[in-house]
């Protein structure tokens, strides 16, 4: 659900700016946060499906999740 909300709001923001990323810090931070949310969700899916058992996806997912909580 978090991924759907984040992507839909990012698409609406880009649509309002004629599909261009403005050159101010708020827009750049927003792009970084969208990428981080996508990364967290993908690592969560990989962790749940246990695709890569030898990689420490759990710790990567956990650290990025807590980092987003601290930023928020």
PDB file of N, CA and C in Angstrom:
ATOM      1  N   UNK A   1       0.818  -1.188   0.000  1.00  0.00           N
ATOM      2  CA  UNK A   1       0.000   0.000   0.000  1.00  0.00           C
ATOM      3  C   UNK A   1       0.868   1.261   0.000  1.00  0.00           C
ATOM      4  N   UNK A   2       1.964   1.207   0.737  1.00  0.00           N
ATOM      5  CA  UNK A   2       2.882   2.343   0.805  1.00  0.00           C
ATOM      6  C   UNK A   2       3.464   2.648  -0.573  1.00  0.00           C
ATOM      7  N   UNK A   3       3.819   1.612  -1.299  1.00  0.00           N
ATOM      8  CA  UNK A   3       4.392   1.798  -2.630  1.00  0.00           C
ATOM      9  C   UNK A   3       3.370   2.423  -3.571  1.00  0.00           C
ATOM     10  N   UNK A   4       2.127   1.984  -3.507  1.00  0.00           N
ATOM     11  CA  UNK A   4       1.083   2.521  -4.378  1.00  0.00           C
ATOM     12  C   UNK A   4       0.846   3.998  -4.081  1.00  0.00           C
ATOM     13  N   UNK A   5       0.766   4.366  -2.823  1.00  0.00           N
ATOM     14  CA  UNK A   5       0.563   5.766  -2.453  1.00  0.00           C
ATOM     15  C   UNK A   5       1.737   6.636  -2.888  1.00  0.00           C
ATOM     16  N   UNK A   6       2.937   6.161  -2.658  1.00  0.00           N
ATOM     17  CA  UNK A   6       4.130   6.933  -3.011  1.00  0.00           C
ATOM     18  C   UNK A   6       4.223   7.144  -4.516  1.00  0.00           C
ATOM     19  N   UNK A   7       4.025   6.078  -5.284  1.00  0.00           N
ATOM     20  CA  UNK A   7       4.110   6.207  -6.736  1.00  0.00           C
ATOM     21  C   UNK A   7       2.991   7.068  -7.307  1.00  0.00           C
ATOM     22  N   UNK A   8       1.785   6.940  -6.771  1.00  0.00           N
ATOM     23  CA  UNK A   8       0.683   7.746  -7.296  1.00  0.00           C
ATOM     24  C   UNK A   8       0.903   9.232  -7.007  1.00  0.00           C
ATOM     25  N   UNK A   9       1.386   9.568  -5.820  1.00  0.00           N
ATOM     26  CA  UNK A   9       1.669  10.969  -5.517  1.00  0.00           C
ATOM     27  C   UNK A   9       2.840  11.510  -6.333  1.00  0.00           C
ATOM     28  N   UNK A  10       3.835  10.670  -6.587  1.00  0.00           N
ATOM     29  CA  UNK A  10       4.961  11.103  -7.427  1.00  0.00           C
ATOM     30  C   UNK A  10       4.504  11.347  -8.860  1.00  0.00           C
ATOM     31  N   UNK A  11       3.636  10.497  -9.366  1.00  0.00           N
ATOM     32  CA  UNK A  11       3.126  10.681 -10.727  1.00  0.00           C
ATOM     33  C   UNK A  11       2.271  11.938 -10.808  1.00  0.00           C
ATOM     34  N   UNK A  12       1.440  12.187  -9.797  1.00  0.00           N
ATOM     35  CA  UNK A  12       0.638  13.411  -9.796  1.00  0.00           C
ATOM     36  C   UNK A  12       1.511  14.661  -9.733  1.00  0.00           C
ATOM     37  N   UNK A  13       2.578  14.610  -8.941  1.00  0.00           N
ATOM     38  CA  UNK A  13       3.482  15.766  -8.855  1.00  0.00           C
ATOM     39  C   UNK A  13       4.172  16.018 -10.189  1.00  0.00           C
ATOM     40  N   UNK A  14       4.615  14.947 -10.844  1.00  0.00           N
ATOM     41  CA  UNK A  14       5.253  15.125 -12.151  1.00  0.00           C
ATOM     42  C   UNK A  14       4.256  15.618 -13.190  1.00  0.00           C
ATOM     43  N   UNK A  15       3.027  15.143 -13.122  1.00  0.00           N
ATOM     44  CA  UNK A  15       1.995  15.568 -14.068  1.00  0.00           C
ATOM     45  C   UNK A  15       1.699  17.058 -13.917  1.00  0.00           C
ATOM     46  N   UNK A  16       1.662  17.546 -12.669  1.00  0.00           N
ATOM     47  CA  UNK A  16       1.410  18.970 -12.439  1.00  0.00           C
ATOM     48  C   UNK A  16       2.552  19.852 -12.907  1.00  0.00           C
ATOM     49  N   UNK A  17       3.755  19.300 -13.033  1.00  0.00           N
ATOM     50  CA  UNK A  17       4.923  20.057 -13.489  1.00  0.00           C
ATOM     51  C   UNK A  17       5.273  19.752 -14.935  1.00  0.00           C
ATOM     52  N   UNK A  18       4.297  19.298 -15.710  1.00  0.00           N
ATOM     53  CA  UNK A  18       4.494  18.987 -17.135  1.00  0.00           C
ATOM     54  C   UNK A  18       5.564  17.929 -17.342  1.00  0.00           C
ATOM     55  N   UNK A  19       5.581  16.926 -16.469  1.00  0.00           N
ATOM     56  CA  UNK A  19       6.477  15.761 -16.547  1.00  0.00           C
ATOM     57  C   UNK A  19       7.945  16.151 -16.494  1.00  0.00           C
ATOM     58  N   UNK A  20       8.250  17.218 -15.786  1.00  0.00           N
ATOM     59  CA  UNK A  20       9.633  17.640 -15.575  1.00  0.00           C
ATOM     60  C   UNK A  20       9.892  17.755 -14.074  1.00  0.00           C
ATOM     61  N   UNK A  21      11.105  17.416 -13.676  1.00  0.00           N
ATOM     62  CA  UNK A  21      11.494  17.568 -12.270  1.00  0.00           C
ATOM     63  C   UNK A  21      12.044  18.980 -12.089  1.00  0.00           C
ATOM     64  N   UNK A  22      11.401  19.787 -11.242  1.00  0.00           N
ATOM     65  CA  UNK A  22      11.894  21.151 -11.018  1.00  0.00           C
ATOM     66  C   UNK A  22      13.287  21.150 -10.383  1.00  0.00           C
ATOM     67  N   UNK A  23      13.951  22.266 -10.518  1.00  0.00           N
ATOM     68  CA  UNK A  23      15.320  22.374 -10.020  1.00  0.00           C
ATOM     69  C   UNK A  23      15.351  23.054  -8.647  1.00  0.00           C
ATOM     70  N   UNK A  24      14.680  22.448  -7.680  1.00  0.00           N
ATOM     71  CA  UNK A  24      14.777  22.930  -6.305  1.00  0.00           C
ATOM     72  C   UNK A  24      14.909  21.727  -5.373  1.00  0.00           C
ATOM     73  N   UNK A  25      15.420  21.939  -4.180  1.00  0.00           N
ATOM     74  CA  UNK A  25      15.754  20.817  -3.279  1.00  0.00           C
ATOM     75  C   UNK A  25      14.567  19.921  -2.923  1.00  0.00           C
ATOM     76  N   UNK A  26      13.378  20.480  -2.801  1.00  0.00           N
ATOM     77  CA  UNK A  26      12.217  19.679  -2.420  1.00  0.00           C
ATOM     78  C   UNK A  26      11.939  18.589  -3.460  1.00  0.00           C
ATOM     79  N   UNK A  27      12.057  18.934  -4.724  1.00  0.00           N
ATOM     80  CA  UNK A  27      11.807  17.958  -5.787  1.00  0.00           C
ATOM     81  C   UNK A  27      12.893  16.881  -5.816  1.00  0.00           C
ATOM     82  N   UNK A  28      14.129  17.282  -5.615  1.00  0.00           N
ATOM     83  CA  UNK A  28      15.228  16.314  -5.625  1.00  0.00           C
ATOM     84  C   UNK A  28      15.135  15.349  -4.448  1.00  0.00           C
ATOM     85  N   UNK A  29      14.799  15.860  -3.282  1.00  0.00           N
ATOM     86  CA  UNK A  29      14.630  14.998  -2.111  1.00  0.00           C
ATOM     87  C   UNK A  29      13.447  14.054  -2.326  1.00  0.00           C
ATOM     88  N   UNK A  30      12.401  14.556  -2.974  1.00  0.00           N
ATOM     89  CA  UNK A  30      11.243  13.721  -3.272  1.00  0.00           C
ATOM     90  C   UNK A  30      11.585  12.546  -4.173  1.00  0.00           C
ATOM     91  N   UNK A  31      12.410  12.784  -5.174  1.00  0.00           N
ATOM     92  CA  UNK A  31      12.839  11.702  -6.075  1.00  0.00           C
ATOM     93  C   UNK A  31      13.662  10.671  -5.306  1.00  0.00           C
ATOM     94  N   UNK A  32      14.533  11.133  -4.436  1.00  0.00           N
ATOM     95  CA  UNK A  32      15.346  10.217  -3.625  1.00  0.00           C
ATOM     96  C   UNK A  32      14.457   9.378  -2.707  1.00  0.00           C
ATOM     97  N   UNK A  33      13.456  10.000  -2.105  1.00  0.00           N
ATOM     98  CA  UNK A  33      12.557   9.264  -1.213  1.00  0.00           C
ATOM     99  C   UNK A  33      11.702   8.256  -1.976  1.00  0.00           C
ATOM    100  N   UNK A  34      11.248   8.614  -3.172  1.00  0.00           N
ATOM    101  CA  UNK A  34      10.490   7.661  -3.986  1.00  0.00           C
ATOM    102  C   UNK A  34      11.362   6.455  -4.322  1.00  0.00           C
ATOM    103  N   UNK A  35      12.614   6.706  -4.698  1.00  0.00           N
ATOM    104  CA  UNK A  35      13.528   5.595  -4.997  1.00  0.00           C
ATOM    105  C   UNK A  35      13.774   4.740  -3.756  1.00  0.00           C
ATOM    106  N   UNK A  36      13.901   5.373  -2.591  1.00  0.00           N
ATOM    107  CA  UNK A  36      14.130   4.620  -1.362  1.00  0.00           C
ATOM    108  C   UNK A  36      12.920   3.763  -1.005  1.00  0.00           C
ATOM    109  N   UNK A  37      11.715   4.293  -1.169  1.00  0.00           N
ATOM    110  CA  UNK A  37      10.501   3.526  -0.875  1.00  0.00           C
ATOM    111  C   UNK A  37      10.385   2.338  -1.820  1.00  0.00           C
ATOM    112  N   UNK A  38      10.678   2.552  -3.092  1.00  0.00           N
ATOM    113  CA  UNK A  38      10.641   1.443  -4.058  1.00  0.00           C
ATOM    114  C   UNK A  38      11.661   0.379  -3.665  1.00  0.00           C
ATOM    115  N   UNK A  39      12.865   0.801  -3.259  1.00  0.00           N
ATOM    116  CA  UNK A  39      13.899  -0.142  -2.850  1.00  0.00           C
ATOM    117  C   UNK A  39      13.472  -0.932  -1.617  1.00  0.00           C
ATOM    118  N   UNK A  40      12.871  -0.257  -0.646  1.00  0.00           N
ATOM    119  CA  UNK A  40      12.418  -0.939   0.572  1.00  0.00           C
ATOM    120  C   UNK A  40      11.341  -1.961   0.246  1.00  0.00           C
ATOM    121  N   UNK A  41      10.405  -1.588  -0.600  1.00  0.00           N
ATOM    122  CA  UNK A  41       9.333  -2.522  -0.963  1.00  0.00           C
ATOM    123  C   UNK A  41       9.876  -3.719  -1.736  1.00  0.00           C
ATOM    124  N   UNK A  42      10.803  -3.487  -2.653  1.00  0.00           N
ATOM    125  CA  UNK A  42      11.375  -4.602  -3.424  1.00  0.00           C
ATOM    126  C   UNK A  42      12.188  -5.541  -2.539  1.00  0.00           C
ATOM    127  N   UNK A  43      12.953  -4.982  -1.603  1.00  0.00           N
ATOM    128  CA  UNK A  43      13.699  -5.863  -0.707  1.00  0.00           C
ATOM    129  C   UNK A  43      12.762  -6.637   0.211  1.00  0.00           C
ATOM    130  N   UNK A  44      11.631  -6.037   0.566  1.00  0.00           N
ATOM    131  CA  UNK A  44      10.644  -6.754   1.359  1.00  0.00           C
ATOM    132  C   UNK A  44      10.042  -7.925   0.603  1.00  0.00           C
ATOM    133  N   UNK A  45       9.761  -7.714  -0.686  1.00  0.00           N
ATOM    134  CA  UNK A  45       9.235  -8.807  -1.513  1.00  0.00           C
ATOM    135  C   UNK A  45      10.275  -9.912  -1.672  1.00  0.00           C
ATOM    136  N   UNK A  46      11.513  -9.521  -1.919  1.00  0.00           N
ATOM    137  CA  UNK A  46      12.587 -10.514  -2.062  1.00  0.00           C
ATOM    138  C   UNK A  46      12.756 -11.286  -0.764  1.00  0.00           C
ATOM    139  N   UNK A  47      12.664 -10.573   0.363  1.00  0.00           N
ATOM    140  CA  UNK A  47      12.829 -11.223   1.655  1.00  0.00           C
ATOM    141  C   UNK A  47      11.684 -12.204   1.920  1.00  0.00           C
ATOM    142  N   UNK A  48      10.464 -11.811   1.596  1.00  0.00           N
ATOM    143  CA  UNK A  48       9.308 -12.685   1.835  1.00  0.00           C
ATOM    144  C   UNK A  48       9.332 -13.914   0.933  1.00  0.00           C
ATOM    145  N   UNK A  49       9.745 -13.729  -0.316  1.00  0.00           N
ATOM    146  CA  UNK A  49       9.774 -14.859  -1.244  1.00  0.00           C
ATOM    147  C   UNK A  49      11.008 -15.730  -1.063  1.00  0.00           C
ATOM    148  N   UNK A  50      11.970 -15.229  -0.299  1.00  0.00           N
ATOM    149  CA  UNK A  50      13.220 -15.946  -0.031  1.00  0.00           C
ATOM    150  C   UNK A  50      13.936 -16.346  -1.319  1.00  0.00           C
ATOM    151  N   UNK A  51      14.008 -15.388  -2.232  1.00  0.00           N
ATOM    152  CA  UNK A  51      14.663 -15.635  -3.521  1.00  0.00           C
ATOM    153  C   UNK A  51      16.171 -15.754  -3.323  1.00  0.00           C
ATOM    154  N   UNK A  52      16.734 -14.792  -2.633  1.00  0.00           N
ATOM    155  CA  UNK A  52      18.175 -14.793  -2.393  1.00  0.00           C
ATOM    156  C   UNK A  52      18.411 -15.122  -0.923  1.00  0.00           C
ATOM    157  N   UNK A  53      18.581 -16.361  -0.615  1.00  0.00           N
ATOM    158  CA  UNK A  53      18.718 -16.772   0.783  1.00  0.00           C
ATOM    159  C   UNK A  53      20.085 -16.433   1.363  1.00  0.00           C
ATOM    160  N   UNK A  54      21.082 -16.366   0.536  1.00  0.00           N
ATOM    161  CA  UNK A  54      22.442 -16.138   1.069  1.00  0.00           C
ATOM    162  C   UNK A  54      22.728 -14.663   1.301  1.00  0.00           C
ATOM    163  N   UNK A  55      22.010 -13.775   0.662  1.00  0.00           N
ATOM    164  CA  UNK A  55      22.229 -12.352   0.878  1.00  0.00           C
ATOM    165  C   UNK A  55      21.512 -11.906   2.145  1.00  0.00           C
ATOM    166  N   UNK A  56      22.056 -10.926   2.774  1.00  0.00           N
ATOM    167  CA  UNK A  56      21.451 -10.439   4.012  1.00  0.00           C
ATOM    168  C   UNK A  56      20.435  -9.335   3.685  1.00  0.00           C
ATOM    169  N   UNK A  57      19.423  -9.695   2.920  1.00  0.00           N
ATOM    170  CA  UNK A  57      18.380  -8.752   2.533  1.00  0.00           C
ATOM    171  C   UNK A  57      17.621  -8.259   3.764  1.00  0.00           C
ATOM    172  N   UNK A  58      17.466  -9.117   4.753  1.00  0.00           N
ATOM    173  CA  UNK A  58      16.727  -8.738   5.965  1.00  0.00           C
ATOM    174  C   UNK A  58      17.329  -7.496   6.615  1.00  0.00           C
ATOM    175  N   UNK A  59      18.636  -7.477   6.772  1.00  0.00           N
ATOM    176  CA  UNK A  59      19.273  -6.340   7.442  1.00  0.00           C
ATOM    177  C   UNK A  59      19.220  -5.079   6.592  1.00  0.00           C
ATOM    178  N   UNK A  60      19.370  -5.233   5.282  1.00  0.00           N
ATOM    179  CA  UNK A  60      19.262  -4.075   4.382  1.00  0.00           C
ATOM    180  C   UNK A  60      17.858  -3.494   4.469  1.00  0.00           C
ATOM    181  N   UNK A  61      16.860  -4.368   4.407  1.00  0.00           N
ATOM    182  CA  UNK A  61      15.466  -3.947   4.473  1.00  0.00           C
ATOM    183  C   UNK A  61      15.168  -3.262   5.812  1.00  0.00           C
ATOM    184  N   UNK A  62      15.671  -3.833   6.885  1.00  0.00           N
ATOM    185  CA  UNK A  62      15.430  -3.292   8.220  1.00  0.00           C
ATOM    186  C   UNK A  62      16.084  -1.922   8.402  1.00  0.00           C
ATOM    187  N   UNK A  63      17.334  -1.784   7.972  1.00  0.00           N
ATOM    188  CA  UNK A  63      18.055  -0.518   8.125  1.00  0.00           C
ATOM    189  C   UNK A  63      17.407   0.586   7.296  1.00  0.00           C
ATOM    190  N   UNK A  64      17.061   0.290   6.041  1.00  0.00           N
ATOM    191  CA  UNK A  64      16.418   1.295   5.203  1.00  0.00           C
ATOM    192  C   UNK A  64      15.034   1.665   5.740  1.00  0.00           C
ATOM    193  N   UNK A  65      14.298   0.679   6.262  1.00  0.00           N
ATOM    194  CA  UNK A  65      12.984   0.969   6.839  1.00  0.00           C
ATOM    195  C   UNK A  65      13.082   1.904   8.034  1.00  0.00           C
ATOM    196  N   UNK A  66      14.013   1.639   8.946  1.00  0.00           N
ATOM    197  CA  UNK A  66      14.187   2.519  10.096  1.00  0.00           C
ATOM    198  C   UNK A  66      14.730   3.879   9.686  1.00  0.00           C
ATOM    199  N   UNK A  67      15.545   3.927   8.647  1.00  0.00           N
ATOM    200  CA  UNK A  67      16.048   5.231   8.160  1.00  0.00           C
ATOM    201  C   UNK A  67      14.904   6.093   7.643  1.00  0.00           C
ATOM    202  N   UNK A  68      13.967   5.484   6.930  1.00  0.00           N
ATOM    203  CA  UNK A  68      12.813   6.235   6.444  1.00  0.00           C
ATOM    204  C   UNK A  68      11.954   6.706   7.613  1.00  0.00           C
ATOM    205  N   UNK A  69      11.806   5.876   8.641  1.00  0.00           N
ATOM    206  CA  UNK A  69      11.044   6.305   9.821  1.00  0.00           C
ATOM    207  C   UNK A  69      11.699   7.485  10.514  1.00  0.00           C
ATOM    208  N   UNK A  70      13.029   7.483  10.590  1.00  0.00           N
ATOM    209  CA  UNK A  70      13.746   8.588  11.232  1.00  0.00           C
ATOM    210  C   UNK A  70      13.605   9.859  10.395  1.00  0.00           C
ATOM    211  N   UNK A  71      13.704   9.725   9.076  1.00  0.00           N
ATOM    212  CA  UNK A  71      13.564  10.893   8.189  1.00  0.00           C
ATOM    213  C   UNK A  71      12.156  11.462   8.280  1.00  0.00           C
ATOM    214  N   UNK A  72      11.168  10.562   8.331  1.00  0.00           N
ATOM    215  CA  UNK A  72       9.762  11.031   8.365  1.00  0.00           C
ATOM    216  C   UNK A  72       9.490  11.744   9.666  1.00  0.00           C
TER     217      UNK A  72
END
